[in-house]
Amino acid sequence: MDSRVKLGIYEKAMPGAMSMEGKLRTAKEFGFDFMEMSIDETPQKLARLDMSKAERTELIRLMRETDLPVRTICLSGHRKFPLGSADPDIRAKSAVIMRDAIGLAYDLGVRVIQIAGYDVYYEESTEATRACFLEGLRRSVEIAAEYGVVLAFETMETPFMNNVKKAMIYVREIASPYLQVYPDVGNCTNAAADYREDVVLDLMSGKGHIAAMHLKETAPGKYREVEFGNGHVDFERVIRAALAMGVRLFVTEFWENVEIEYREHIRYSKKFIDEKFTKAKQAFTVPADG
């Protein structure tokens, strides 16, 4: 991997019972540059937002000891507690989650928080939920700006924000350097197929606003747990487009597969993505100052 391109691994690619130290050492062993931490809707992951100062200091020590940082956070906890909920108590909880996630990122040195492109998930999307989402988003970006942490939309599997063009509507509306796009190329590929559009043209619509990119495999109608090479994402082409736009931060997004020994799973996935980068770079050279 070119030293000017940073490739991370999604935390959930490793066994959930593994310690944070074990995950960092595993990521380092397989040649990843950083790990993306998960803060999903489970109580166990949401509890990370309440880590004590001592716990945060210990995690920083582990990152330094293993020489493997946590540089991004996937904040999917808002799926259960969305910014746009019709329930004001849920919206209040959502705001606390966002504030605490930004504070955690600041303390750990995390640069980018990937936020879910949902107004709501378990509720019906309405004009009111979309208005609440926008209001909550404005407040969130103000806090992120105060801490110098970038919030970046994940493109999701629902019509609300399943491609970059839709994410850019909100990026332009908020007009802050602290709100960008963090596309999931698997979800974007599915959306492009549904709309009979070119996924690369969609990605290019976010030029200048893509903070990082999730490299995830999908198949038509299937958005999760598709093994690399068993879906329809043209990784070589989307990586080449990303490099041309100046994107240098990537995360391989895949999950632990209990049917495959986790080390072999990681080894295969890393080799697969490395080969796609090699082929993409044959048609595109990263500039010396890239």
Protein backbone atom coordinates (compact mmCIF):
# COMPACT_ATOMS: atom_id res chain seq x y z
CA MET A 1 0.00 0.00 0.00
CA ASP A 2 1.27 3.47 -0.93
CA SER A 3 2.30 5.33 2.23
CA ARG A 4 0.27 8.34 1.08
CA VAL A 5 -2.93 6.28 1.12
CA LYS A 6 -4.19 5.10 4.51
CA LEU A 7 -6.23 1.90 4.69
CA GLY A 8 -8.17 1.07 7.83
CA ILE A 9 -10.06 -1.99 9.01
CA TYR A 10 -13.56 -1.91 10.46
CA GLU A 11 -13.52 -3.10 14.06
CA LYS A 12 -16.34 -5.60 13.47
CA ALA A 13 -14.14 -7.59 11.09
CA MET A 14 -12.56 -9.01 14.25
CA PRO A 15 -14.20 -11.12 16.98
CA GLY A 16 -16.41 -9.08 19.26
CA ALA A 17 -14.94 -10.75 22.36
CA MET A 18 -11.40 -9.71 21.42
CA SER A 19 -9.87 -6.97 23.56
CA MET A 20 -9.16 -3.58 22.09
CA GLU A 21 -5.46 -4.32 22.39
CA GLY A 22 -5.95 -7.56 20.49
CA LYS A 23 -7.85 -5.78 17.74
CA LEU A 24 -5.18 -3.11 17.37
CA ARG A 25 -2.40 -5.71 17.25
CA THR A 26 -4.33 -7.79 14.70
CA ALA A 27 -4.89 -4.76 12.48
CA LYS A 28 -1.19 -3.94 12.67
CA GLU A 29 -0.17 -7.53 11.92
CA PHE A 30 -2.15 -7.58 8.70
CA GLY A 31 -0.76 -4.30 7.44
CA PHE A 32 -3.62 -1.90 8.10
CA ASP A 33 -2.80 1.72 8.91
CA PHE A 34 -5.56 2.30 11.44
CA MET A 35 -8.77 0.89 12.89
CA GLU A 36 -12.27 2.28 12.64
CA MET A 37 -14.07 2.08 15.98
CA SER A 38 -17.73 1.07 16.06
CA ILE A 39 -20.29 2.85 18.21
CA ASP A 40 -23.50 1.11 17.21
CA GLU A 41 -26.93 0.98 18.85
CA THR A 42 -26.08 -1.82 21.32
CA PRO A 43 -25.70 -0.85 25.00
CA GLN A 44 -22.16 -2.26 25.01
CA LYS A 45 -20.97 -0.01 22.19
CA LEU A 46 -22.93 3.06 23.34
CA ALA A 47 -21.26 2.67 26.74
CA ARG A 48 -18.00 3.67 25.08
CA LEU A 49 -19.30 7.21 25.02
CA ASP A 50 -19.08 7.17 28.83
CA MET A 51 -15.46 5.99 28.97
CA SER A 52 -13.66 7.57 31.90
CA LYS A 53 -10.64 9.79 31.48
CA ALA A 54 -8.47 6.90 32.67
CA GLU A 55 -10.00 4.53 30.11
CA ARG A 56 -9.43 7.02 27.33
CA THR A 57 -5.84 7.51 28.42
CA GLU A 58 -5.32 3.74 28.45
CA LEU A 59 -6.67 3.41 24.91
CA ILE A 60 -4.32 6.15 23.74
CA ARG A 61 -1.46 4.29 25.41
CA LEU A 62 -2.45 1.10 23.58
CA MET A 63 -2.57 2.92 20.26
CA ARG A 64 0.95 4.23 20.84
CA GLU A 65 2.26 0.88 22.07
CA THR A 66 0.84 -1.04 19.10
CA ASP A 67 1.63 1.76 16.64
CA LEU A 68 -1.91 1.40 15.30
CA PRO A 69 -4.27 4.35 15.83
CA VAL A 70 -8.04 4.62 15.87
CA ARG A 71 -8.55 7.35 13.29
CA THR A 72 -12.25 7.11 12.41
CA ILE A 73 -15.47 6.24 14.25
CA CYS A 74 -18.49 4.61 12.65
CA LEU A 75 -21.35 6.14 14.67
CA SER A 76 -24.34 3.97 13.79
CA GLY A 77 -25.97 4.32 17.21
CA HIS A 78 -28.28 6.94 15.75
CA ARG A 79 -30.18 4.20 13.96
CA LYS A 80 -32.00 3.52 17.24
CA PHE A 81 -31.83 7.14 18.42
CA PRO A 82 -32.16 9.23 15.24
CA LEU A 83 -31.81 12.98 14.95
CA GLY A 84 -35.16 13.20 13.16
CA SER A 85 -37.33 11.13 15.52
CA ALA A 86 -40.88 12.29 16.12
CA ASP A 87 -40.28 11.58 19.82
CA PRO A 88 -38.60 14.55 21.53
CA ASP A 89 -37.04 12.26 24.15
CA ILE A 90 -35.35 10.22 21.44
CA ARG A 91 -34.13 13.41 19.75
CA ALA A 92 -32.67 14.54 23.08
CA LYS A 93 -30.89 11.19 23.45
CA SER A 94 -29.65 11.51 19.88
CA ALA A 95 -28.15 14.92 20.63
CA VAL A 96 -26.35 13.54 23.70
CA ILE A 97 -24.94 10.65 21.65
CA MET A 98 -23.62 13.07 19.04
CA ARG A 99 -22.11 15.43 21.59
CA ASP A 100 -20.45 12.60 23.49
CA ALA A 101 -19.14 10.96 20.30
CA ILE A 102 -17.52 14.23 19.25
CA GLY A 103 -15.96 14.58 22.69
CA LEU A 104 -14.63 11.02 22.55
CA ALA A 105 -13.21 11.59 19.09
CA TYR A 106 -11.48 14.75 20.27
CA ASP A 107 -9.91 12.97 23.23
CA LEU A 108 -8.71 10.01 21.15
CA GLY A 109 -7.38 12.06 18.24
CA VAL A 110 -10.02 10.73 15.84
CA ARG A 111 -10.31 12.94 12.76
CA VAL A 112 -13.58 11.77 11.19
CA ILE A 113 -16.89 10.48 12.56
CA GLN A 114 -19.01 8.69 10.01
CA ILE A 115 -22.65 9.54 10.74
CA ALA A 116 -25.67 7.67 9.44
CA GLY A 117 -27.59 9.23 6.57
CA TYR A 118 -31.00 8.59 8.13
CA ASP A 119 -33.59 11.03 9.37
CA VAL A 120 -35.23 8.02 11.05
CA TYR A 121 -34.82 4.28 10.70
CA TYR A 122 -37.44 2.44 12.78
CA GLU A 123 -40.05 5.17 12.21
CA GLU A 124 -41.81 6.48 9.12
CA SER A 125 -39.92 9.28 7.37
CA THR A 126 -42.07 12.39 7.06
CA GLU A 127 -41.66 16.07 6.35
CA ALA A 128 -41.54 16.62 10.13
CA THR A 129 -38.80 14.02 10.72
CA ARG A 130 -36.74 15.52 7.91
CA ALA A 131 -37.11 19.00 9.44
CA CYS A 132 -36.04 17.67 12.85
CA PHE A 133 -33.08 15.90 11.24
CA LEU A 134 -31.88 19.13 9.65
CA GLU A 135 -32.27 21.05 12.91
CA GLY A 136 -30.35 18.40 14.84
CA LEU A 137 -27.71 18.26 12.15
CA ARG A 138 -27.09 22.01 12.38
CA ARG A 139 -26.52 21.78 16.13
CA SER A 140 -24.27 18.74 15.68
CA VAL A 141 -22.06 20.46 13.14
CA GLU A 142 -21.70 23.49 15.40
CA ILE A 143 -20.33 21.22 18.15
CA ALA A 144 -18.08 19.38 15.70
CA ALA A 145 -16.66 22.69 14.50
CA GLU A 146 -15.88 23.71 18.07
CA TYR A 147 -13.79 20.54 18.50
CA GLY A 148 -12.33 20.43 15.00
CA VAL A 149 -13.85 16.99 14.26
CA VAL A 150 -15.33 16.26 10.84
CA LEU A 151 -18.78 14.66 10.61
CA ALA A 152 -19.27 12.80 7.34
CA PHE A 153 -22.41 11.14 6.00
CA GLU A 154 -22.46 7.44 5.27
CA THR A 155 -24.59 6.69 2.23
CA MET A 156 -27.17 4.21 3.47
CA GLU A 157 -29.49 1.50 2.18
CA THR A 158 -32.69 3.56 2.41
CA PRO A 159 -33.92 6.10 -0.17
CA PHE A 160 -33.42 9.03 2.21
CA MET A 161 -29.66 9.15 1.56
CA ASN A 162 -28.51 6.17 -0.50
CA ASN A 163 -26.11 8.04 -2.75
CA VAL A 164 -23.66 10.91 -2.70
CA LYS A 165 -25.94 13.31 -4.57
CA LYS A 166 -28.50 13.13 -1.79
CA ALA A 167 -25.85 13.57 0.90
CA MET A 168 -24.56 16.65 -0.91
CA ILE A 169 -27.95 18.35 -0.56
CA TYR A 170 -27.35 18.55 3.19
CA VAL A 171 -23.65 19.32 2.86
CA ARG A 172 -24.49 22.34 0.73
CA GLU A 173 -27.34 23.38 3.01
CA ILE A 174 -25.14 23.36 6.13
CA ALA A 175 -22.12 24.75 4.24
CA SER A 176 -19.52 23.92 6.88
CA PRO A 177 -16.06 22.36 6.46
CA TYR A 178 -17.04 20.10 9.37
CA LEU A 179 -19.79 18.31 7.42
CA GLN A 180 -18.67 16.12 4.55
CA VAL A 181 -19.45 12.76 2.91
CA TYR A 182 -18.06 9.33 3.76
CA PRO A 183 -19.62 7.14 1.07
CA ASP A 184 -20.17 3.43 1.34
CA VAL A 185 -19.35 2.29 -2.20
CA GLY A 186 -21.40 -0.88 -1.77
CA ASN A 187 -24.56 1.02 -0.90
CA CYS A 188 -23.84 3.54 -3.66
CA THR A 189 -23.42 0.71 -6.16
CA ASN A 190 -26.80 -0.74 -5.23
CA ALA A 191 -28.45 2.67 -5.50
CA ALA A 192 -26.84 3.31 -8.88
CA ALA A 193 -28.13 -0.04 -10.14
CA ASP A 194 -31.63 0.75 -8.86
CA TYR A 195 -31.61 4.19 -10.51
CA ARG A 196 -29.79 2.96 -13.64
CA GLU A 197 -27.02 5.46 -13.02
CA ASP A 198 -23.21 5.32 -13.04
CA VAL A 199 -21.84 4.90 -9.52
CA VAL A 200 -18.63 6.76 -10.41
CA LEU A 201 -20.58 9.78 -11.64
CA ASP A 202 -22.46 9.75 -8.35
CA LEU A 203 -19.21 9.61 -6.36
CA MET A 204 -17.80 12.44 -8.46
CA SER A 205 -20.77 14.61 -7.48
CA GLY A 206 -19.14 14.85 -4.05
CA LYS A 207 -15.75 15.97 -5.35
CA GLY A 208 -14.03 18.14 -2.78
CA HIS A 209 -16.29 16.89 0.01
CA ILE A 210 -15.38 13.22 0.45
CA ALA A 211 -13.53 12.81 3.73
CA ALA A 212 -13.04 9.05 3.51
CA MET A 213 -14.51 6.01 1.76
CA HIS A 214 -15.91 2.68 2.93
CA LEU A 215 -14.89 -0.19 0.66
CA LYS A 216 -17.72 -2.67 1.13
CA GLU A 217 -19.04 -5.43 -1.12
CA THR A 218 -22.74 -5.68 -1.94
CA ALA A 219 -24.99 -7.59 -4.29
CA PRO A 220 -28.27 -6.45 -5.87
CA GLY A 221 -30.73 -6.09 -3.00
CA LYS A 222 -28.17 -7.21 -0.40
CA TYR A 223 -26.27 -4.63 1.61
CA ARG A 224 -24.36 -6.52 4.30
CA GLU A 225 -22.14 -9.53 4.81
CA VAL A 226 -21.31 -10.12 1.15
CA GLU A 227 -17.79 -11.48 0.82
CA PHE A 228 -15.35 -9.50 -1.32
CA GLY A 229 -15.49 -10.82 -4.87
CA ASN A 230 -18.99 -12.28 -4.51
CA GLY A 231 -20.85 -9.05 -5.30
CA HIS A 232 -21.04 -6.43 -8.01
CA VAL A 233 -18.93 -3.51 -6.72
CA ASP A 234 -16.28 -2.41 -9.24
CA PHE A 235 -13.63 -1.66 -6.64
CA GLU A 236 -10.88 -0.89 -9.11
CA ARG A 237 -12.97 1.76 -10.81
CA VAL A 238 -14.31 3.42 -7.63
CA ILE A 239 -10.85 3.47 -6.05
CA ARG A 240 -9.40 5.08 -9.18
CA ALA A 241 -12.13 7.73 -9.09
CA ALA A 242 -11.54 8.34 -5.38
CA LEU A 243 -7.81 8.79 -5.88
CA ALA A 244 -8.45 11.21 -8.73
CA MET A 245 -10.63 13.28 -6.37
CA GLY A 246 -7.90 13.40 -3.75
CA VAL A 247 -9.37 10.84 -1.34
CA ARG A 248 -6.60 9.20 0.69
CA LEU A 249 -8.48 7.66 3.63
CA PHE A 250 -10.19 4.30 3.07
CA VAL A 251 -11.71 1.63 5.32
CA THR A 252 -12.32 -2.00 4.38
CA GLU A 253 -15.79 -2.63 5.76
CA PHE A 254 -16.55 -6.27 6.38
CA TRP A 255 -17.82 -8.29 9.30
CA GLU A 256 -16.54 -11.34 11.13
CA ASN A 257 -17.83 -14.48 9.40
CA VAL A 258 -18.13 -17.30 11.94
CA GLU A 259 -17.84 -19.84 9.12
CA ILE A 260 -14.33 -18.60 8.28
CA GLU A 261 -11.42 -18.44 10.72
CA TYR A 262 -11.11 -14.72 11.38
CA ARG A 263 -7.43 -14.45 10.55
CA GLU A 264 -7.90 -16.12 7.19
CA HIS A 265 -10.90 -13.89 6.57
CA ILE A 266 -8.89 -10.75 7.26
CA ARG A 267 -5.95 -12.02 5.21
CA TYR A 268 -8.17 -12.73 2.20
CA SER A 269 -10.00 -9.40 2.46
CA LYS A 270 -6.80 -7.38 2.79
CA LYS A 271 -5.21 -9.16 -0.18
CA PHE A 272 -8.35 -8.59 -2.26
CA ILE A 273 -8.43 -4.84 -1.58
CA ASP A 274 -4.65 -4.45 -1.97
CA GLU A 275 -4.88 -5.98 -5.43
CA LYS A 276 -7.67 -3.56 -6.38
CA PHE A 277 -5.53 -0.62 -5.28
CA THR A 278 -2.59 -1.94 -7.31
CA LYS A 279 -4.72 -2.21 -10.45
CA ALA A 280 -6.36 1.17 -9.87
CA LYS A 281 -2.97 2.85 -9.50
CA GLN A 282 -1.77 1.41 -12.79
CA ALA A 283 -4.17 3.86 -14.40
CA PHE A 284 -3.67 6.63 -11.85
CA THR A 285 -0.48 7.80 -10.15
CA VAL A 286 -0.81 9.41 -6.71
CA PRO A 287 0.96 12.79 -6.95
CA ALA A 288 4.13 13.23 -4.91
CA ASP A 289 2.34 15.70 -2.66
CA GLY A 290 -0.88 13.67 -2.56
